[in-house]
Amino acid sequence: MEEKLPGRPIRIIKSVEDKNLGVFFEELYKTCLDDGEAVLVLKKIERAFVADPNYELLHNVKEHASVSFRNIHTQQEVRFFPED
């Protein structure tokens, strides 16, 4: 994750894409106080989705500054990423 100015809020965006239905949308998931909180939130999201047997991990926070998952039943892709 690139450096940000101290005290600058970071938004976590949730992106959902369903290629079968041709649907794509993004929404604000959470606003974090700084980079540190944003990383913690992304890791918490990653743990929750990894624990859900309906989702497969596409990439994690260590590989990218975001996390992505695919629903194994619907093939819907869910991605969480930071934005300042």
Protein backbone atom coordinates (compact mmCIF):
# COMPACT_ATOMS: atom_id res chain seq x y z
CA MET A 1 0.00 0.00 0.00
CA GLU A 2 1.48 3.37 -0.92
CA GLU A 3 2.18 5.97 1.75
CA LYS A 4 -0.60 8.41 2.58
CA LEU A 5 -0.60 11.71 4.40
CA PRO A 6 -0.97 11.30 8.18
CA GLY A 7 -4.56 11.47 9.37
CA ARG A 8 -6.03 11.13 5.90
CA PRO A 9 -9.09 8.84 5.85
CA ILE A 10 -8.97 5.72 3.68
CA ARG A 11 -12.17 4.28 2.23
CA ILE A 12 -12.62 0.54 1.77
CA ILE A 13 -14.67 -0.08 -1.37
CA LYS A 14 -16.64 -3.28 -1.97
CA SER A 15 -16.85 -4.25 -5.63
CA VAL A 16 -19.18 -7.02 -6.83
CA GLU A 17 -19.19 -8.47 -10.33
CA ASP A 18 -21.57 -11.13 -11.60
CA LYS A 19 -20.47 -12.06 -15.12
CA ASN A 20 -23.44 -14.42 -15.56
CA LEU A 21 -25.95 -11.62 -15.01
CA GLY A 22 -23.78 -8.83 -16.44
CA VAL A 23 -23.99 -6.90 -13.18
CA PHE A 24 -21.24 -4.78 -11.61
CA PHE A 25 -21.48 -2.37 -8.69
CA GLU A 26 -19.29 -0.69 -6.10
CA GLU A 27 -20.23 0.66 -2.70
CA LEU A 28 -18.51 2.17 0.30
CA TYR A 29 -17.83 -0.61 2.80
CA LYS A 30 -16.06 1.37 5.55
CA THR A 31 -14.10 4.57 6.12
CA CYS A 32 -10.86 4.08 8.07
CA LEU A 33 -8.83 6.69 9.92
CA ASP A 34 -5.51 5.73 8.30
CA ASP A 35 -3.52 3.07 6.42
CA GLY A 36 -3.02 0.96 9.54
CA GLU A 37 -6.73 0.64 10.20
CA ALA A 38 -7.41 -0.06 6.51
CA VAL A 39 -4.95 -2.97 6.50
CA LEU A 40 -6.54 -4.39 9.66
CA VAL A 41 -10.02 -4.14 8.11
CA LEU A 42 -8.85 -5.88 4.91
CA LYS A 43 -7.27 -8.69 6.94
CA LYS A 44 -10.48 -9.08 8.97
CA ILE A 45 -12.52 -9.30 5.75
CA GLU A 46 -10.06 -11.86 4.38
CA ARG A 47 -10.37 -14.06 7.48
CA ALA A 48 -14.18 -13.93 7.34
CA PHE A 49 -14.38 -14.91 3.66
CA VAL A 50 -11.69 -17.61 3.97
CA ALA A 51 -13.75 -19.18 6.77
CA ASP A 52 -16.87 -19.23 4.56
CA PRO A 53 -16.98 -22.49 2.54
CA ASN A 54 -19.05 -20.76 -0.16
CA TYR A 55 -16.11 -18.58 -1.26
CA GLU A 56 -12.71 -19.27 -2.74
CA LEU A 57 -9.82 -16.85 -2.28
CA LEU A 58 -8.58 -15.28 -5.53
CA HIS A 59 -5.88 -13.11 -3.94
CA ASN A 60 -5.03 -11.86 -0.48
CA VAL A 61 -3.68 -8.72 1.17
CA LYS A 62 -0.08 -9.98 0.98
CA GLU A 63 -0.28 -10.36 -2.82
CA HIS A 64 -2.10 -7.05 -3.47
CA ALA A 65 -3.39 -4.15 -1.40
CA SER A 66 -6.85 -5.71 -1.72
CA VAL A 67 -8.68 -9.01 -1.27
CA SER A 68 -10.78 -10.87 -3.84
CA PHE A 69 -13.07 -13.88 -3.58
CA ARG A 70 -15.38 -15.88 -5.83
CA ASN A 71 -18.63 -17.49 -4.76
CA ILE A 72 -18.23 -21.15 -5.75
CA HIS A 73 -21.95 -21.51 -6.51
CA THR A 74 -22.77 -18.30 -8.40
CA GLN A 75 -19.26 -17.39 -9.68
CA GLN A 76 -19.91 -13.86 -8.40
CA GLU A 77 -16.62 -12.08 -7.62
CA VAL A 78 -16.30 -9.85 -4.56
CA ARG A 79 -13.35 -7.50 -4.11
CA PHE A 80 -12.44 -5.12 -1.28
CA PHE A 81 -9.84 -2.42 -1.93
CA PRO A 82 -8.62 0.84 -0.35
CA GLU A 83 -9.17 4.26 -1.91
CA ASP A 84 -8.15 7.66 -0.56
